[in-house]
Each structure stands twice: as C-alpha cells, then as structure tokens.
Amino acid sequence: MDELKEMERTYRRLFGLGSLLLLTGFVLLIFRPIGNETSVVAGLIVFLLSFIPLDMARRTARKMAVVALRGK
C-alpha cells in the first residue's frame, strides 16, 4: 500500500505540473503579455514542454493500475 501512496503522490505532482505548464502556455499564446512574437514563441515552447510531465503522469497511472490489479 505504501508503494501505491507514493505513486499517487508522484502522479498528482506530475499531473499538476503538466497542467500548470499547459495553462501557462495557453495564457502566453492567447493574451501575449510579453510582446507579440516573444509571447508566441515562449508559449509554444512552454506548451510543448508541458507534455513531458503529463506523459510521465500517464505512465505512473498505468503502473499504479498494474500494481493495484496484482494486489500488492
């Protein structure tokens, strides 16, 4: 059970970080607070980088499901 709790904590952190980066990228792309071209480039970079923690969260969730189904 401790393993599942640790994995859940990791999942929540990664998902939260990915969601925050995704939202930040959207804000930069839509509102353009730091100039037109600069905001678009920064927003695209942040948007693309947000998929790294989101994919890691997806993999962690898959591992959690496997551990839960095995009954460990």
Protein backbone atom coordinates (compact mmCIF):
# COMPACT_ATOMS: atom_id res chain seq x y z
CA MET A 1 0.00 0.00 0.00
CA ASP A 2 2.87 2.37 0.66
CA GLU A 3 4.02 1.90 -2.91
CA LEU A 4 0.60 2.93 -4.24
CA LYS A 5 0.50 6.00 -2.00
CA GLU A 6 3.94 7.08 -3.17
CA MET A 7 2.96 6.54 -6.80
CA GLU A 8 -0.24 8.51 -6.29
CA ARG A 9 1.74 11.39 -4.80
CA THR A 10 4.11 11.31 -7.77
CA TYR A 11 1.18 11.16 -10.19
CA ARG A 12 -0.51 14.17 -8.60
CA ARG A 13 2.69 16.23 -8.68
CA LEU A 14 3.44 15.41 -12.30
CA PHE A 15 -0.14 15.99 -13.42
CA GLY A 16 -0.29 19.29 -11.55
CA LEU A 17 2.98 20.48 -13.03
CA GLY A 18 1.94 19.46 -16.53
CA SER A 19 -1.45 21.15 -16.19
CA LEU A 20 0.15 24.33 -14.87
CA LEU A 21 2.61 24.44 -17.76
CA LEU A 22 -0.19 23.78 -20.25
CA LEU A 23 -2.27 26.60 -18.80
CA THR A 24 0.74 28.93 -18.80
CA GLY A 25 1.39 28.13 -22.45
CA PHE A 26 -2.22 28.88 -23.35
CA VAL A 27 -2.13 32.18 -21.45
CA LEU A 28 1.04 33.21 -23.27
CA LEU A 29 -0.46 32.30 -26.63
CA ILE A 30 -3.83 33.96 -26.07
CA PHE A 31 -3.07 37.13 -24.09
CA ARG A 32 0.52 37.77 -25.29
CA PRO A 33 1.68 39.62 -22.15
CA ILE A 34 5.37 39.98 -23.13
CA GLY A 35 5.08 41.19 -26.69
CA ASN A 36 3.61 39.65 -29.80
CA GLU A 37 6.41 37.47 -31.20
CA THR A 38 8.08 36.76 -27.85
CA SER A 39 4.85 35.53 -26.26
CA VAL A 40 4.05 33.26 -29.19
CA VAL A 41 7.49 31.65 -29.16
CA ALA A 42 7.57 31.32 -25.36
CA GLY A 43 4.00 30.00 -25.33
CA LEU A 44 4.77 27.34 -27.92
CA ILE A 45 7.88 26.22 -26.04
CA VAL A 46 6.04 26.04 -22.70
CA PHE A 47 3.09 24.30 -24.37
CA LEU A 48 5.35 21.63 -25.88
CA LEU A 49 7.31 21.16 -22.64
CA SER A 50 4.08 20.59 -20.72
CA PHE A 51 3.64 17.23 -22.41
CA ILE A 52 6.73 15.78 -20.69
CA PRO A 53 5.30 15.73 -17.15
CA LEU A 54 1.85 14.83 -18.49
CA ASP A 55 3.26 11.77 -20.24
CA MET A 56 5.20 10.81 -17.12
CA ALA A 57 1.95 11.12 -15.12
CA ARG A 58 0.20 8.85 -17.64
CA ARG A 59 2.93 6.24 -17.27
CA THR A 60 2.74 6.47 -13.48
CA ALA A 61 -1.03 5.98 -13.59
CA ARG A 62 -0.57 2.90 -15.75
CA LYS A 63 1.95 1.46 -13.26
CA MET A 64 -0.45 2.22 -10.42
CA ALA A 65 -3.19 0.27 -12.19
CA VAL A 66 -0.91 -2.71 -12.69
CA VAL A 67 0.17 -2.70 -9.04
CA ALA A 68 -3.44 -2.36 -7.85
CA LEU A 69 -4.64 -5.23 -10.05
CA ARG A 70 -1.87 -7.51 -8.84
CA GLY A 71 -2.94 -6.85 -5.26
CA LYS A 72 0.44 -5.86 -3.88
